[in-house]
């Protein structure tokens, strides 16, 4: 077997040679015992290959429908529109909440001008809507009390009058002033007593049932 034809045997049997190569190889076989013997040994190869199981072939995908791209674009547009609607609704809700919060704040009465000597009174019961600050001014004749009173939340306003009272160290109660609360406004009340400041045990704001709602101990 020469090197020029050493690889022709299997190709010859499988029909992989060109017509010209096939003629040359057949001429060579008549004078080459090695190549003839090799072809004889491989003569059963085509039959073996024919019996081998064929691999499953996957069908090639069909053509893409012309309607596919427009459908995809339409779906993208719908999703974008849905996202825009969600953003608009969320923005509108935030604006409404902000407006409502501003309106609620606007309904609350403005706090009084702060007096450096004003003392905030303490609510007797938690959640009391009434709030007040008191200024106690010692005088030669006794004590002058100026009270700034307002409602924290005008929605809980109940018509009625309130009283400013003081209790001395012996437990005697004096009424200094009465007034009606005006929702949304700060009420300034002035009262005076002959008691000296150190003789006052408590200053109270009482409601119409004579129940203390705010208290202060000088």
N, C-alpha and C. Protein backbone atom coordinates (compact mmCIF):
# COMPACT_ATOMS: atom_id res chain seq x y z
N UNK A 1 0.87 -1.19 0.00
CA UNK A 1 0.00 0.00 0.00
C UNK A 1 0.90 1.22 0.00
N UNK A 2 0.71 2.14 -0.95
CA UNK A 2 1.51 3.36 -1.01
C UNK A 2 0.81 4.44 -0.21
N UNK A 3 1.58 5.44 0.17
CA UNK A 3 1.02 6.53 0.97
C UNK A 3 -0.05 7.29 0.21
N UNK A 4 0.06 7.35 -1.14
CA UNK A 4 -0.92 8.13 -1.91
C UNK A 4 -2.32 7.54 -1.79
N UNK A 5 -2.42 6.23 -1.62
CA UNK A 5 -3.73 5.58 -1.60
C UNK A 5 -4.05 4.91 -0.25
N UNK A 6 -3.25 5.24 0.78
CA UNK A 6 -3.42 4.54 2.06
C UNK A 6 -4.74 4.85 2.75
N UNK A 7 -5.36 5.97 2.40
CA UNK A 7 -6.63 6.36 3.06
C UNK A 7 -7.82 6.23 2.12
N UNK A 8 -7.63 5.59 0.98
CA UNK A 8 -8.71 5.53 0.00
C UNK A 8 -9.66 4.37 0.25
N UNK A 9 -9.22 3.36 1.04
CA UNK A 9 -10.00 2.13 1.14
C UNK A 9 -11.41 2.36 1.66
N UNK A 10 -11.52 3.02 2.82
CA UNK A 10 -12.85 3.26 3.40
C UNK A 10 -13.66 4.22 2.55
N UNK A 11 -13.01 5.27 2.05
CA UNK A 11 -13.73 6.22 1.21
C UNK A 11 -14.24 5.55 -0.07
N UNK A 12 -13.46 4.61 -0.58
CA UNK A 12 -13.87 3.88 -1.79
C UNK A 12 -15.12 3.07 -1.52
N UNK A 13 -15.13 2.36 -0.38
CA UNK A 13 -16.29 1.52 -0.05
C UNK A 13 -17.54 2.35 0.25
N UNK A 14 -17.35 3.53 0.80
CA UNK A 14 -18.50 4.39 1.16
C UNK A 14 -18.94 5.30 0.03
N UNK A 15 -18.22 5.23 -1.10
CA UNK A 15 -18.60 6.04 -2.25
C UNK A 15 -18.28 7.50 -2.08
N UNK A 16 -17.22 7.78 -1.31
CA UNK A 16 -16.88 9.17 -1.05
C UNK A 16 -15.82 9.72 -2.00
N UNK A 17 -15.32 8.86 -2.92
CA UNK A 17 -14.30 9.33 -3.86
C UNK A 17 -14.96 9.95 -5.08
N UNK A 18 -14.23 10.87 -5.68
CA UNK A 18 -14.71 11.44 -6.93
C UNK A 18 -14.57 10.39 -8.03
N UNK A 19 -15.26 10.54 -9.14
CA UNK A 19 -15.13 9.55 -10.23
C UNK A 19 -13.68 9.35 -10.67
N UNK A 20 -12.94 10.43 -10.77
CA UNK A 20 -11.54 10.30 -11.21
C UNK A 20 -10.71 9.55 -10.17
N UNK A 21 -10.92 9.89 -8.86
CA UNK A 21 -10.18 9.20 -7.80
C UNK A 21 -10.56 7.71 -7.75
N UNK A 22 -11.83 7.44 -8.01
CA UNK A 22 -12.28 6.04 -7.96
C UNK A 22 -11.60 5.22 -9.06
N UNK A 23 -11.50 5.79 -10.29
CA UNK A 23 -10.85 5.07 -11.39
C UNK A 23 -9.38 4.82 -11.09
N UNK A 24 -8.72 5.87 -10.56
CA UNK A 24 -7.29 5.71 -10.25
C UNK A 24 -7.08 4.64 -9.17
N UNK A 25 -7.97 4.64 -8.14
CA UNK A 25 -7.79 3.69 -7.04
C UNK A 25 -8.05 2.25 -7.52
N UNK A 26 -9.04 2.07 -8.39
CA UNK A 26 -9.33 0.72 -8.90
C UNK A 26 -8.17 0.21 -9.75
N UNK A 27 -7.54 1.12 -10.52
CA UNK A 27 -6.35 0.71 -11.29
C UNK A 27 -5.23 0.32 -10.34
N UNK A 28 -5.11 1.07 -9.25
CA UNK A 28 -4.06 0.79 -8.27
C UNK A 28 -4.31 -0.54 -7.57
N UNK A 29 -5.58 -0.86 -7.29
CA UNK A 29 -5.89 -2.11 -6.58
C UNK A 29 -5.41 -3.35 -7.36
N UNK A 30 -5.40 -3.27 -8.67
CA UNK A 30 -5.02 -4.43 -9.46
C UNK A 30 -3.55 -4.76 -9.30
N UNK A 31 -2.76 -3.78 -8.84
CA UNK A 31 -1.34 -4.05 -8.68
C UNK A 31 -0.85 -3.95 -7.26
N UNK A 32 -1.78 -3.72 -6.27
CA UNK A 32 -1.35 -3.54 -4.86
C UNK A 32 -2.09 -4.53 -3.99
N UNK A 33 -1.36 -5.53 -3.48
CA UNK A 33 -1.98 -6.55 -2.63
C UNK A 33 -2.42 -5.97 -1.29
N UNK A 34 -1.66 -5.01 -0.74
CA UNK A 34 -2.03 -4.43 0.57
C UNK A 34 -3.35 -3.68 0.50
N UNK A 35 -3.50 -2.85 -0.53
CA UNK A 35 -4.75 -2.08 -0.64
C UNK A 35 -5.93 -3.01 -0.91
N UNK A 36 -5.69 -4.05 -1.72
CA UNK A 36 -6.78 -4.99 -1.99
C UNK A 36 -7.21 -5.70 -0.71
N UNK A 37 -6.20 -6.11 0.11
CA UNK A 37 -6.54 -6.77 1.36
C UNK A 37 -7.28 -5.82 2.31
N UNK A 38 -6.91 -4.56 2.33
CA UNK A 38 -7.58 -3.58 3.20
C UNK A 38 -9.01 -3.38 2.78
N UNK A 39 -9.22 -3.31 1.45
CA UNK A 39 -10.60 -3.14 0.97
C UNK A 39 -11.43 -4.35 1.33
N UNK A 40 -10.81 -5.55 1.26
CA UNK A 40 -11.53 -6.77 1.61
C UNK A 40 -11.93 -6.76 3.09
N UNK A 41 -10.99 -6.32 3.95
CA UNK A 41 -11.30 -6.28 5.39
C UNK A 41 -12.45 -5.30 5.70
N UNK A 42 -12.50 -4.23 4.96
CA UNK A 42 -13.52 -3.19 5.25
C UNK A 42 -14.78 -3.35 4.41
N UNK A 43 -14.88 -4.42 3.70
CA UNK A 43 -16.01 -4.57 2.78
C UNK A 43 -17.36 -4.62 3.50
N UNK A 44 -17.33 -5.04 4.76
CA UNK A 44 -18.60 -5.10 5.50
C UNK A 44 -19.01 -3.78 6.13
N UNK A 45 -18.19 -2.77 6.00
CA UNK A 45 -18.48 -1.47 6.65
C UNK A 45 -19.77 -0.83 6.17
N UNK A 46 -20.04 -0.76 4.88
CA UNK A 46 -21.30 -0.13 4.45
C UNK A 46 -22.53 -0.81 5.03
N UNK A 47 -22.48 -2.16 5.14
CA UNK A 47 -23.63 -2.86 5.71
C UNK A 47 -23.83 -2.55 7.18
N UNK A 48 -22.71 -2.48 7.91
CA UNK A 48 -22.82 -2.15 9.34
C UNK A 48 -23.39 -0.75 9.54
N UNK A 49 -22.93 0.16 8.74
CA UNK A 49 -23.44 1.54 8.86
C UNK A 49 -24.92 1.62 8.51
N UNK A 50 -25.34 0.80 7.57
CA UNK A 50 -26.75 0.82 7.18
C UNK A 50 -27.66 0.33 8.30
N UNK A 51 -27.11 -0.61 9.14
CA UNK A 51 -27.91 -1.16 10.24
C UNK A 51 -27.90 -0.27 11.48
N UNK A 52 -27.02 0.69 11.54
CA UNK A 52 -26.94 1.56 12.72
C UNK A 52 -28.21 2.40 12.83
N UNK A 53 -28.74 2.60 14.08
CA UNK A 53 -29.97 3.41 14.24
C UNK A 53 -29.74 4.85 13.80
N UNK A 54 -30.73 5.36 13.13
CA UNK A 54 -30.64 6.73 12.66
C UNK A 54 -31.00 7.70 13.80
N UNK A 55 -30.27 8.77 13.94
CA UNK A 55 -30.59 9.77 14.99
C UNK A 55 -31.91 10.46 14.70
N UNK A 56 -32.62 10.79 15.79
CA UNK A 56 -33.87 11.53 15.63
C UNK A 56 -33.58 12.92 15.10
N UNK A 57 -34.27 13.26 14.08
CA UNK A 57 -34.08 14.58 13.47
C UNK A 57 -35.16 15.52 13.98
N UNK A 58 -34.75 16.69 14.32
CA UNK A 58 -35.68 17.72 14.79
C UNK A 58 -36.13 18.54 13.61
N UNK A 59 -37.44 18.64 13.51
CA UNK A 59 -37.97 19.44 12.40
C UNK A 59 -37.50 20.88 12.52
N UNK A 60 -37.16 21.43 11.43
CA UNK A 60 -36.75 22.84 11.42
C UNK A 60 -37.95 23.70 11.77
N UNK A 61 -37.73 24.75 12.54
CA UNK A 61 -38.86 25.62 12.89
C UNK A 61 -39.49 26.24 11.66
N UNK A 62 -40.80 26.38 11.75
CA UNK A 62 -41.50 26.97 10.63
C UNK A 62 -41.26 28.47 10.55
N UNK A 63 -41.75 29.08 9.55
CA UNK A 63 -41.56 30.53 9.40
C UNK A 63 -42.29 31.29 10.51
N UNK A 64 -41.74 32.42 10.92
CA UNK A 64 -42.34 33.25 11.96
C UNK A 64 -43.60 33.91 11.41
N UNK A 65 -44.74 33.78 12.12
CA UNK A 65 -45.96 34.42 11.61
C UNK A 65 -45.79 35.93 11.49
N UNK A 66 -46.39 36.49 10.46
CA UNK A 66 -46.27 37.93 10.26
C UNK A 66 -46.94 38.72 11.38
N UNK A 67 -47.90 38.09 12.07
CA UNK A 67 -48.62 38.80 13.14
C UNK A 67 -47.87 38.81 14.46
N UNK A 68 -46.74 38.06 14.56
CA UNK A 68 -46.05 37.94 15.84
C UNK A 68 -45.48 39.27 16.31
N UNK A 69 -44.75 39.96 15.44
CA UNK A 69 -44.12 41.22 15.84
C UNK A 69 -45.14 42.28 16.24
N UNK A 70 -46.21 42.51 15.44
CA UNK A 70 -47.22 43.48 15.88
C UNK A 70 -47.85 43.11 17.22
N UNK A 71 -48.05 41.79 17.45
CA UNK A 71 -48.64 41.38 18.73
C UNK A 71 -47.70 41.68 19.89
N UNK A 72 -46.40 41.43 19.70
CA UNK A 72 -45.42 41.73 20.75
C UNK A 72 -45.37 43.22 21.03
N UNK A 73 -45.35 44.03 19.97
CA UNK A 73 -45.32 45.49 20.16
C UNK A 73 -46.57 45.98 20.88
N UNK A 74 -47.72 45.40 20.54
CA UNK A 74 -48.96 45.81 21.20
C UNK A 74 -48.93 45.46 22.68
N UNK A 75 -48.38 44.27 23.02
CA UNK A 75 -48.29 43.87 24.42
C UNK A 75 -47.36 44.80 25.19
N UNK A 76 -46.23 45.17 24.59
CA UNK A 76 -45.31 46.11 25.24
C UNK A 76 -46.00 47.44 25.49
N UNK A 77 -46.77 47.91 24.49
CA UNK A 77 -47.48 49.19 24.65
C UNK A 77 -48.50 49.11 25.78
N UNK A 78 -49.22 47.96 25.87
CA UNK A 78 -50.22 47.82 26.94
C UNK A 78 -49.56 47.84 28.32
N UNK A 79 -48.41 47.16 28.44
CA UNK A 79 -47.73 47.14 29.74
C UNK A 79 -47.22 48.52 30.12
N UNK A 80 -46.69 49.25 29.14
CA UNK A 80 -46.22 50.61 29.43
C UNK A 80 -47.37 51.50 29.85
N UNK A 81 -48.51 51.36 29.16
CA UNK A 81 -49.67 52.18 29.52
C UNK A 81 -50.16 51.84 30.92
N UNK A 82 -50.13 50.53 31.27
CA UNK A 82 -50.56 50.12 32.62
C UNK A 82 -49.63 50.70 33.68
N UNK A 83 -48.30 50.69 33.41
CA UNK A 83 -47.36 51.28 34.37
C UNK A 83 -47.60 52.77 34.52
N UNK A 84 -47.90 53.44 33.40
CA UNK A 84 -48.17 54.89 33.48
C UNK A 84 -49.41 55.16 34.32
N UNK A 85 -50.45 54.30 34.16
CA UNK A 85 -51.66 54.50 34.96
C UNK A 85 -51.38 54.31 36.44
N UNK A 86 -50.57 53.30 36.76
CA UNK A 86 -50.22 53.07 38.17
C UNK A 86 -49.49 54.27 38.75
N UNK A 87 -48.53 54.81 37.98
CA UNK A 87 -47.77 55.97 38.46
C UNK A 87 -48.69 57.17 38.64
N UNK A 88 -49.61 57.38 37.70
CA UNK A 88 -50.53 58.52 37.80
C UNK A 88 -51.44 58.38 39.02
N UNK A 89 -51.96 57.16 39.24
CA UNK A 89 -52.83 56.95 40.40
C UNK A 89 -52.08 57.18 41.70
N UNK A 90 -50.84 56.67 41.77
CA UNK A 90 -50.04 56.86 42.99
C UNK A 90 -49.74 58.33 43.22
N UNK A 91 -49.43 59.05 42.14
CA UNK A 91 -49.15 60.49 42.27
C UNK A 91 -50.39 61.24 42.73
N UNK A 92 -51.54 60.90 42.13
CA UNK A 92 -52.78 61.57 42.52
C UNK A 92 -53.11 61.30 43.98
N UNK A 93 -52.90 60.05 44.42
CA UNK A 93 -53.17 59.72 45.82
C UNK A 93 -52.27 60.51 46.75
N UNK A 94 -51.00 60.65 46.37
CA UNK A 94 -50.08 61.41 47.21
C UNK A 94 -50.50 62.88 47.29
N UNK A 95 -50.96 63.43 46.16
CA UNK A 95 -51.41 64.83 46.16
C UNK A 95 -52.64 64.99 47.04
N UNK A 96 -53.59 64.04 46.93
CA UNK A 96 -54.81 64.13 47.75
C UNK A 96 -54.47 64.06 49.23
N UNK A 97 -53.56 63.14 49.58
CA UNK A 97 -53.16 63.02 50.99
C UNK A 97 -52.52 64.30 51.48
N UNK A 98 -51.65 64.88 50.62
CA UNK A 98 -50.98 66.12 51.02
C UNK A 98 -51.98 67.25 51.20
N UNK A 99 -52.97 67.33 50.28
CA UNK A 99 -53.98 68.38 50.40
C UNK A 99 -54.82 68.17 51.65
N UNK A 100 -55.20 66.89 51.90
CA UNK A 100 -55.99 66.61 53.10
C UNK A 100 -55.23 66.95 54.37
N UNK A 101 -53.94 66.60 54.38
CA UNK A 101 -53.13 66.92 55.55
C UNK A 101 -53.02 68.42 55.75
N UNK A 102 -52.84 69.13 54.63
CA UNK A 102 -52.76 70.59 54.73
C UNK A 102 -54.06 71.20 55.21
N UNK A 103 -55.19 70.63 54.72
CA UNK A 103 -56.48 71.14 55.17
C UNK A 103 -56.69 70.89 56.65
N UNK A 104 -56.27 69.69 57.10
CA UNK A 104 -56.42 69.37 58.53
C UNK A 104 -55.59 70.32 59.37
N UNK A 105 -54.35 70.57 58.94
CA UNK A 105 -53.50 71.50 59.68
C UNK A 105 -54.09 72.89 59.67
N UNK A 106 -54.71 73.24 58.50
CA UNK A 106 -55.29 74.57 58.41
C UNK A 106 -56.47 74.76 59.35
N UNK A 107 -57.18 73.66 59.67
CA UNK A 107 -58.32 73.76 60.57
C UNK A 107 -57.91 73.92 62.02
N UNK A 108 -56.68 73.53 62.34
CA UNK A 108 -56.24 73.64 63.73
C UNK A 108 -55.97 75.08 64.07
N UNK A 109 -56.29 75.52 65.27
CA UNK A 109 -56.05 76.91 65.65
C UNK A 109 -54.56 77.18 65.76
N UNK A 110 -54.15 78.38 65.40
CA UNK A 110 -52.73 78.69 65.52
C UNK A 110 -52.33 78.77 66.98
N UNK A 111 -51.13 78.33 67.32
CA UNK A 111 -50.68 78.43 68.71
C UNK A 111 -50.51 79.88 69.11
N UNK A 112 -50.69 80.21 70.35
CA UNK A 112 -50.54 81.60 70.79
C UNK A 112 -49.09 82.04 70.72
N UNK A 113 -48.92 83.35 70.69
CA UNK A 113 -47.56 83.89 70.76
C UNK A 113 -46.92 83.42 72.05
N UNK A 114 -45.74 82.86 71.93
CA UNK A 114 -45.07 82.30 73.10
C UNK A 114 -44.62 83.40 74.05
N UNK A 115 -45.00 83.24 75.30
CA UNK A 115 -44.55 84.15 76.36
C UNK A 115 -43.44 83.43 77.10
N UNK A 116 -42.27 84.05 77.25
CA UNK A 116 -41.15 83.38 77.93
C UNK A 116 -41.50 82.87 79.31
N UNK A 117 -42.45 83.55 79.98
CA UNK A 117 -42.80 83.14 81.34
C UNK A 117 -44.01 82.22 81.39
N UNK A 118 -44.57 81.86 80.21
CA UNK A 118 -45.75 81.00 80.18
C UNK A 118 -45.40 79.58 80.58
N UNK A 119 -46.30 78.97 81.34
CA UNK A 119 -46.13 77.59 81.80
C UNK A 119 -47.25 76.75 81.21
N UNK A 120 -46.91 75.66 80.53
CA UNK A 120 -47.93 74.80 79.95
C UNK A 120 -48.65 74.02 81.04
N UNK A 121 -49.97 74.05 80.99
CA UNK A 121 -50.77 73.32 81.95
C UNK A 121 -50.84 71.84 81.55
N UNK A 122 -51.00 70.98 82.53
CA UNK A 122 -51.01 69.53 82.31
C UNK A 122 -52.44 69.02 82.20
N UNK A 123 -52.69 68.19 81.17
CA UNK A 123 -54.02 67.60 81.01
C UNK A 123 -54.25 66.57 82.11
N UNK A 124 -55.43 66.63 82.72
CA UNK A 124 -55.76 65.68 83.78
C UNK A 124 -56.03 64.30 83.20
N UNK A 125 -56.74 64.26 82.06
CA UNK A 125 -57.06 62.99 81.39
C UNK A 125 -56.37 62.95 80.04
N UNK A 126 -55.86 61.78 79.68
CA UNK A 126 -55.20 61.62 78.39
C UNK A 126 -56.19 61.85 77.26
N UNK A 127 -55.73 62.53 76.21
CA UNK A 127 -56.58 62.77 75.06
C UNK A 127 -57.47 63.98 75.18
N UNK A 128 -57.29 64.78 76.22
CA UNK A 128 -58.11 65.98 76.38
C UNK A 128 -57.80 66.96 75.25
N UNK A 129 -58.85 67.48 74.57
CA UNK A 129 -58.60 68.38 73.45
C UNK A 129 -58.20 69.79 73.88
N UNK A 130 -58.42 70.11 75.14
CA UNK A 130 -58.13 71.46 75.63
C UNK A 130 -56.66 71.58 75.98
N UNK A 131 -56.06 72.68 75.60
CA UNK A 131 -54.67 72.95 75.91
C UNK A 131 -54.55 74.41 76.34
N UNK A 132 -53.66 74.67 77.28
CA UNK A 132 -53.54 76.05 77.77
C UNK A 132 -52.15 76.30 78.32
N UNK A 133 -51.77 77.56 78.31
CA UNK A 133 -50.56 78.04 78.95
C UNK A 133 -50.93 79.18 79.89
N UNK A 134 -50.29 79.23 81.03
CA UNK A 134 -50.62 80.24 82.04
C UNK A 134 -49.39 81.06 82.39
N UNK A 135 -49.62 82.34 82.59
CA UNK A 135 -48.57 83.25 83.06
C UNK A 135 -49.00 83.76 84.43
N UNK A 136 -48.26 83.44 85.46
CA UNK A 136 -48.56 83.87 86.83
C UNK A 136 -47.63 85.03 87.18
N UNK A 137 -48.24 86.15 87.49
CA UNK A 137 -47.47 87.37 87.75
C UNK A 137 -47.74 87.84 89.18
N UNK A 138 -46.71 87.79 90.01
CA UNK A 138 -46.87 88.23 91.41
C UNK A 138 -47.00 89.75 91.47
N UNK A 139 -48.00 90.21 92.23
CA UNK A 139 -48.24 91.64 92.40
C UNK A 139 -48.18 91.97 93.90
N UNK A 140 -48.14 93.28 94.17
CA UNK A 140 -48.13 93.71 95.58
C UNK A 140 -49.44 93.36 96.26
N UNK A 141 -50.51 93.34 95.49
CA UNK A 141 -51.83 93.06 96.04
C UNK A 141 -52.22 91.60 95.95
N UNK A 142 -51.41 90.74 95.28
CA UNK A 142 -51.76 89.32 95.13
C UNK A 142 -51.09 88.73 93.89
N UNK A 143 -51.90 88.07 93.07
CA UNK A 143 -51.36 87.40 91.87
C UNK A 143 -52.30 87.62 90.68
N UNK A 144 -51.71 87.99 89.55
CA UNK A 144 -52.47 88.11 88.30
C UNK A 144 -52.16 86.88 87.44
N UNK A 145 -53.21 86.28 86.87
CA UNK A 145 -53.04 85.09 86.03
C UNK A 145 -53.61 85.38 84.65
N UNK A 146 -52.77 85.19 83.63
CA UNK A 146 -53.23 85.31 82.24
C UNK A 146 -53.16 83.92 81.62
N UNK A 147 -54.29 83.50 81.03
CA UNK A 147 -54.41 82.15 80.49
C UNK A 147 -54.64 82.22 78.98
N UNK A 148 -53.85 81.49 78.21
CA UNK A 148 -54.07 81.31 76.77
C UNK A 148 -54.60 79.89 76.58
N UNK A 149 -55.84 79.76 76.08
CA UNK A 149 -56.50 78.46 75.99
C UNK A 149 -56.98 78.22 74.56
N UNK A 150 -56.80 77.01 74.05
CA UNK A 150 -57.27 76.67 72.71
C UNK A 150 -57.54 75.17 72.63
N UNK A 151 -58.23 74.78 71.54
CA UNK A 151 -58.52 73.37 71.29
C UNK A 151 -57.46 72.79 70.37
N UNK A 152 -56.93 71.60 70.70
CA UNK A 152 -55.97 70.93 69.82
C UNK A 152 -56.63 70.46 68.53
N UNK A 153 -57.86 69.99 68.63
CA UNK A 153 -58.57 69.43 67.48
C UNK A 153 -59.99 69.96 67.51
N UNK A 154 -60.31 70.85 66.57
CA UNK A 154 -61.63 71.48 66.60
C UNK A 154 -62.75 70.49 66.28
N UNK A 155 -62.42 69.32 65.70
CA UNK A 155 -63.47 68.35 65.39
C UNK A 155 -64.10 67.77 66.65
N UNK A 156 -63.39 67.85 67.79
CA UNK A 156 -63.93 67.31 69.04
C UNK A 156 -64.54 68.41 69.91
N UNK A 157 -64.78 69.57 69.33
CA UNK A 157 -65.33 70.69 70.10
C UNK A 157 -66.74 70.39 70.58
N UNK A 158 -66.96 70.68 71.86
CA UNK A 158 -68.30 70.58 72.44
C UNK A 158 -68.63 71.93 73.08
N UNK A 159 -69.76 72.50 72.72
CA UNK A 159 -70.12 73.80 73.30
C UNK A 159 -70.17 73.72 74.82
N UNK A 160 -69.78 74.80 75.46
CA UNK A 160 -69.82 74.85 76.91
C UNK A 160 -68.87 75.90 77.45
N UNK A 161 -68.97 76.13 78.73
CA UNK A 161 -68.12 77.13 79.38
C UNK A 161 -67.07 76.45 80.23
N UNK A 162 -65.99 77.18 80.44
CA UNK A 162 -64.90 76.70 81.29
C UNK A 162 -64.63 77.74 82.37
N UNK A 163 -64.04 77.27 83.47
CA UNK A 163 -63.76 78.17 84.59
C UNK A 163 -62.29 78.10 84.95
N UNK A 164 -61.74 79.24 85.32
CA UNK A 164 -60.38 79.30 85.85
C UNK A 164 -60.49 79.43 87.36
N UNK A 165 -59.94 78.45 88.07
CA UNK A 165 -60.02 78.47 89.53
C UNK A 165 -58.64 78.25 90.13
N UNK A 166 -58.45 78.76 91.35
CA UNK A 166 -57.22 78.51 92.10
C UNK A 166 -57.61 77.91 93.45
N UNK A 167 -56.74 77.06 93.96
CA UNK A 167 -56.93 76.46 95.28
C UNK A 167 -55.74 76.84 96.15
N UNK A 168 -56.03 77.40 97.35
CA UNK A 168 -54.91 77.80 98.20
C UNK A 168 -54.39 76.62 99.01
N UNK A 169 -53.41 76.88 99.81
CA UNK A 169 -52.77 75.81 100.57
C UNK A 169 -53.69 75.18 101.61
N UNK A 170 -54.77 75.90 101.96
CA UNK A 170 -55.73 75.37 102.93
C UNK A 170 -56.86 74.61 102.26
N UNK A 171 -56.88 74.56 100.89
CA UNK A 171 -57.94 73.85 100.17
C UNK A 171 -59.11 74.71 99.77
N UNK A 172 -59.02 76.01 100.01
CA UNK A 172 -60.11 76.91 99.62
C UNK A 172 -60.02 77.20 98.12
N UNK A 173 -61.18 77.11 97.43
CA UNK A 173 -61.22 77.30 95.98
C UNK A 173 -61.78 78.67 95.66
N UNK A 174 -61.12 79.38 94.74
CA UNK A 174 -61.60 80.67 94.26
C UNK A 174 -61.78 80.59 92.74
N UNK A 175 -62.91 81.10 92.26
CA UNK A 175 -63.14 81.20 90.83
C UNK A 175 -62.67 82.56 90.36
N UNK A 176 -61.79 82.57 89.32
CA UNK A 176 -61.24 83.84 88.85
C UNK A 176 -61.86 84.30 87.54
N UNK A 177 -62.36 83.37 86.71
CA UNK A 177 -62.91 83.78 85.41
C UNK A 177 -63.71 82.63 84.81
N UNK A 178 -64.64 82.98 83.91
CA UNK A 178 -65.37 81.99 83.11
C UNK A 178 -65.36 82.45 81.66
N UNK A 179 -65.44 81.50 80.73
CA UNK A 179 -65.45 81.84 79.31
C UNK A 179 -65.99 80.66 78.50
N UNK A 180 -66.40 80.96 77.28
CA UNK A 180 -66.85 79.93 76.34
C UNK A 180 -65.75 79.71 75.31
N UNK A 181 -65.43 78.47 75.06
CA UNK A 181 -64.39 78.15 74.08
C UNK A 181 -64.92 78.38 72.67
N UNK A 182 -64.14 79.07 71.85
CA UNK A 182 -64.49 79.30 70.45
C UNK A 182 -63.60 78.40 69.60
N UNK A 183 -64.18 77.45 68.87
CA UNK A 183 -63.34 76.54 68.09
C UNK A 183 -62.53 77.27 67.03
N UNK A 184 -61.28 76.89 66.90
CA UNK A 184 -60.42 77.49 65.89
C UNK A 184 -59.76 78.78 66.33
N UNK A 185 -60.00 79.22 67.56
CA UNK A 185 -59.41 80.46 68.04
C UNK A 185 -58.75 80.23 69.40
N UNK A 186 -57.77 81.06 69.68
CA UNK A 186 -57.13 81.05 71.00
C UNK A 186 -57.80 82.08 71.88
N UNK A 187 -58.24 81.64 73.03
CA UNK A 187 -58.92 82.53 73.98
C UNK A 187 -57.93 82.96 75.06
N UNK A 188 -57.87 84.27 75.30
CA UNK A 188 -57.02 84.80 76.37
C UNK A 188 -57.91 85.24 77.52
N UNK A 189 -57.65 84.69 78.69
CA UNK A 189 -58.47 84.96 79.88
C UNK A 189 -57.58 85.55 80.96
N UNK A 190 -58.05 86.61 81.61
CA UNK A 190 -57.33 87.24 82.72
C UNK A 190 -58.11 87.04 84.01
N UNK A 191 -57.38 86.70 85.06
CA UNK A 191 -57.99 86.56 86.38
C UNK A 191 -57.03 87.04 87.46
N UNK A 192 -57.59 87.48 88.58
CA UNK A 192 -56.75 87.99 89.68
C UNK A 192 -57.24 87.43 91.00
N UNK A 193 -56.31 87.29 91.93
CA UNK A 193 -56.62 86.81 93.28
C UNK A 193 -55.76 87.57 94.29
N UNK A 194 -56.29 87.67 95.49
CA UNK A 194 -55.53 88.34 96.56
C UNK A 194 -54.45 87.42 97.13
N UNK A 195 -54.46 86.16 96.74
CA UNK A 195 -53.46 85.22 97.24
C UNK A 195 -52.09 85.55 96.66
N UNK A 196 -51.08 85.47 97.51
CA UNK A 196 -49.72 85.58 97.00
C UNK A 196 -49.37 84.31 96.22
N UNK A 197 -48.37 84.41 95.39
CA UNK A 197 -48.01 83.29 94.54
C UNK A 197 -47.66 82.04 95.35
N UNK A 198 -46.98 82.23 96.48
CA UNK A 198 -46.60 81.06 97.28
C UNK A 198 -47.76 80.51 98.10
N UNK A 199 -48.92 81.19 98.06
CA UNK A 199 -50.10 80.69 98.76
C UNK A 199 -51.00 79.86 97.84
N UNK A 200 -50.69 79.84 96.55
CA UNK A 200 -51.51 79.09 95.58
C UNK A 200 -50.99 77.67 95.47
N UNK A 201 -51.87 76.69 95.72
CA UNK A 201 -51.48 75.28 95.62
C UNK A 201 -51.63 74.78 94.18
N UNK A 202 -52.78 75.09 93.55
CA UNK A 202 -53.02 74.65 92.17
C UNK A 202 -53.79 75.71 91.41
N UNK A 203 -53.58 75.72 90.11
CA UNK A 203 -54.39 76.51 89.17
C UNK A 203 -55.05 75.49 88.24
N UNK A 204 -56.38 75.59 88.07
CA UNK A 204 -57.09 74.58 87.29
C UNK A 204 -58.03 75.23 86.29
N UNK A 205 -58.22 74.53 85.16
CA UNK A 205 -59.29 74.83 84.21
C UNK A 205 -60.32 73.73 84.39
N UNK A 206 -61.56 74.13 84.73
CA UNK A 206 -62.62 73.15 84.96
C UNK A 206 -63.72 73.32 83.92
N UNK A 207 -64.37 72.19 83.59
CA UNK A 207 -65.45 72.25 82.62
C UNK A 207 -66.77 72.57 83.30
N UNK A 208 -67.86 72.48 82.53
CA UNK A 208 -69.17 72.89 83.06
C UNK A 208 -69.68 71.96 84.15
N UNK A 209 -69.11 70.75 84.24
CA UNK A 209 -69.50 69.84 85.32
C UNK A 209 -68.57 69.97 86.52
N UNK A 210 -67.75 71.00 86.53
CA UNK A 210 -66.80 71.28 87.61
C UNK A 210 -65.70 70.22 87.72
N UNK A 211 -65.43 69.56 86.60
CA UNK A 211 -64.34 68.57 86.57
C UNK A 211 -63.09 69.22 86.01
N UNK A 212 -61.97 69.05 86.70
CA UNK A 212 -60.72 69.65 86.25
C UNK A 212 -60.24 68.95 84.98
N UNK A 213 -59.92 69.74 83.94
CA UNK A 213 -59.38 69.19 82.70
C UNK A 213 -57.90 69.54 82.53
N UNK A 214 -57.49 70.68 83.11
CA UNK A 214 -56.08 71.09 83.09
C UNK A 214 -55.68 71.54 84.48
N UNK A 215 -54.43 71.30 84.83
CA UNK A 215 -53.97 71.70 86.16
C UNK A 215 -52.54 72.19 86.09
N UNK A 216 -52.19 73.01 87.11
CA UNK A 216 -50.84 73.56 87.19
C UNK A 216 -50.52 73.82 88.65
N UNK A 217 -49.34 73.39 89.05
CA UNK A 217 -48.87 73.68 90.41
C UNK A 217 -47.72 74.66 90.32
N UNK A 218 -47.91 75.90 90.77
CA UNK A 218 -46.85 76.93 90.65
C UNK A 218 -45.57 76.50 91.38
